Amino acid sequence: MANVSKVNDLNWETEVLKSDVPVLVDFSATWCGPCKQIEPFVDQLASEFAGRVKVVKVDIDESPGTAAACGIRGVPTLKVFKGGAEVAHQQGAVPKAKIQALIERAL
């Protein structure tokens, strides 16, 4: 998780909405099995896209305001933001290639 930073209600706007590069946001929870399933893929992609895309993780239990504002209904949910706007999203555990395709839509 070296290239994945944690984001919460306090730094959401600065880290995601005002980012100079596209941001992949992994909305998850510690109790979520499928979240743990995709975590290695998210970590690998954070390394592969380092410098071009920022990858962050939001714990929905620790940041309920951000989760609600983003319309999160279930986890895991992945969203890609570019220029402060959501440009792609995916809910549920998916293969690494599908997550990579989400990121590439924003580049």
Protein backbone atom coordinates (compact mmCIF):
# COMPACT_ATOMS: atom_id res chain seq x y z
CA MET A 1 0.00 0.00 0.00
CA ALA A 2 2.99 2.27 -0.43
CA ASN A 3 1.36 4.22 -3.27
CA VAL A 4 -2.15 4.25 -1.80
CA SER A 5 -3.00 7.03 0.64
CA LYS A 6 -5.93 7.21 3.00
CA VAL A 7 -8.47 9.96 2.50
CA ASN A 8 -11.21 11.01 4.90
CA ASP A 9 -13.97 13.60 5.28
CA LEU A 10 -11.40 16.24 6.26
CA ASN A 11 -9.02 15.98 3.30
CA TRP A 12 -11.39 14.68 0.57
CA GLU A 13 -11.70 18.00 -1.26
CA THR A 14 -7.95 18.70 -1.27
CA GLU A 15 -6.77 15.19 -2.10
CA VAL A 16 -9.44 14.18 -4.64
CA LEU A 17 -11.54 17.05 -5.97
CA LYS A 18 -8.63 19.49 -6.32
CA SER A 19 -6.05 16.94 -7.51
CA ASP A 20 -3.96 17.86 -10.57
CA VAL A 21 -4.06 14.23 -11.77
CA PRO A 22 -6.90 11.71 -12.07
CA VAL A 23 -7.74 9.93 -8.79
CA LEU A 24 -8.89 6.34 -8.32
CA VAL A 25 -10.89 6.16 -5.09
CA ASP A 26 -11.37 2.78 -3.43
CA PHE A 27 -14.39 3.02 -1.09
CA SER A 28 -14.13 0.10 1.31
CA ALA A 29 -14.60 -1.11 4.87
CA THR A 30 -12.48 -3.24 7.20
CA TRP A 31 -15.27 -5.84 7.53
CA CYS A 32 -15.73 -6.24 3.76
CA GLY A 33 -14.42 -9.52 2.28
CA PRO A 34 -14.66 -8.46 -1.39
CA CYS A 35 -12.77 -5.25 -0.49
CA LYS A 36 -9.86 -7.38 0.73
CA GLN A 37 -10.10 -9.40 -2.51
CA ILE A 38 -9.45 -6.40 -4.78
CA GLU A 39 -6.95 -4.67 -2.48
CA PRO A 40 -3.87 -6.34 -4.10
CA PHE A 41 -5.07 -5.22 -7.56
CA VAL A 42 -5.56 -1.63 -6.37
CA ASP A 43 -2.07 -1.67 -4.79
CA GLN A 44 -0.47 -3.03 -7.99
CA LEU A 45 -2.21 -0.45 -10.17
CA ALA A 46 -1.15 2.34 -7.80
CA SER A 47 2.46 1.33 -8.45
CA GLU A 48 1.97 0.88 -12.20
CA PHE A 49 0.30 4.28 -12.64
CA ALA A 50 2.46 6.15 -10.09
CA GLY A 51 3.00 9.75 -11.17
CA ARG A 52 0.09 9.67 -13.63
CA VAL A 53 -2.78 8.73 -11.31
CA LYS A 54 -3.30 9.14 -7.58
CA VAL A 55 -4.84 6.15 -5.80
CA VAL A 56 -6.61 6.66 -2.48
CA LYS A 57 -8.71 4.59 -0.10
CA VAL A 58 -11.76 5.82 1.82
CA ASP A 59 -13.07 3.77 4.75
CA ILE A 60 -16.84 4.34 4.63
CA ASP A 61 -17.18 3.79 8.39
CA GLU A 62 -14.53 6.41 9.19
CA SER A 63 -15.74 8.90 6.55
CA PRO A 64 -19.54 8.61 6.33
CA GLY A 65 -19.91 12.17 4.99
CA THR A 66 -17.77 11.50 1.95
CA ALA A 67 -19.41 8.12 1.34
CA ALA A 68 -22.88 9.70 1.48
CA ALA A 69 -21.88 12.63 -0.75
CA CYS A 70 -20.57 10.17 -3.36
CA GLY A 71 -23.70 8.03 -3.22
CA ILE A 72 -21.95 4.91 -1.98
CA ARG A 73 -24.55 2.17 -1.48
CA GLY A 74 -22.21 -0.82 -1.17
CA VAL A 75 -18.56 -1.72 -0.98
CA PRO A 76 -16.25 -2.16 -2.65
CA THR A 77 -16.99 0.75 -4.95
CA LEU A 78 -14.29 2.25 -7.16
CA LYS A 79 -14.68 5.73 -8.61
CA VAL A 80 -12.36 7.75 -10.81
CA PHE A 81 -12.33 11.53 -10.49
CA LYS A 82 -10.73 13.95 -12.94
CA GLY A 83 -10.85 17.70 -12.55
CA GLY A 84 -13.14 17.33 -9.51
CA ALA A 85 -15.79 15.33 -11.39
CA GLU A 86 -16.54 11.62 -11.40
CA VAL A 87 -15.66 10.12 -14.79
CA ALA A 88 -16.01 6.37 -14.11
CA HIS A 89 -17.20 3.96 -11.45
CA GLN A 90 -17.48 0.27 -10.69
CA GLN A 91 -19.19 -1.52 -7.82
CA GLY A 92 -18.23 -4.95 -6.54
CA ALA A 93 -15.14 -7.12 -6.69
CA VAL A 94 -13.79 -7.16 -10.24
CA PRO A 95 -10.62 -8.40 -11.99
CA LYS A 96 -7.53 -6.20 -12.16
CA ALA A 97 -8.05 -5.61 -15.91
CA LYS A 98 -11.45 -4.05 -15.26
CA ILE A 99 -9.99 -1.68 -12.64
CA GLN A 100 -7.18 -0.78 -15.03
CA ALA A 101 -9.73 0.02 -17.75
CA LEU A 102 -11.49 2.39 -15.32
CA ILE A 103 -8.23 4.26 -14.75
CA GLU A 104 -7.36 4.40 -18.44
CA ARG A 105 -10.68 6.11 -19.23
CA ALA A 106 -9.44 9.11 -17.28
CA LEU A 107 -6.04 9.39 -18.95
